[in-house]
Amino acid sequence: MALLLATYCSANKDPAPDRIPARQRYRSARIEAVCEQAAQADARAGILSGRFGLIAPAEPIPWYDHLLQEAEIPAMTQRVALTLRDWGVDEIHWITVDPAIDSNVLRYRTVMERAAAAAQATFSSRICTLQD
């Protein structure tokens, strides 16, 4: 089984017209830090996109602009739970900014926490001080 270090996507994106790796698409010090921490821990890194679900940093994605909405949480939870099972994840470390800074991150955390439960993976969360 596998450890996953995960975070949510970023509104700040590279405007390149082609599909480019998610790690390159999102302009985020937080995402970069999560990817580097995962590599150091020999863990998998994941990014929860409001449009594409849980994706690997190397997955090519197009430019988009979509913030996960409350009504989308149940379907996204199911989608992410399937990915967690496919990836063989049994432990998730969620990395987020403080919800007091950006309350939108709570919807992403809810998805990941519920998906973890559905996939029978442990879930923990920690605050990241890096801003996008």
Foldseek 3Di string as FASTA:
>chain_A
DFEEEEEEAAQDADQDQFFFFSLRGGDFPQLVVSVVVCVVVVGFYWYQYLPPATDGRRDTDGDDHDQNDPVCLVVSLVVNLVVCVVVVAAEYEYEEAPCVVPVSRVSVVSSVVSSNVVNNHHYDYDYDPTGD
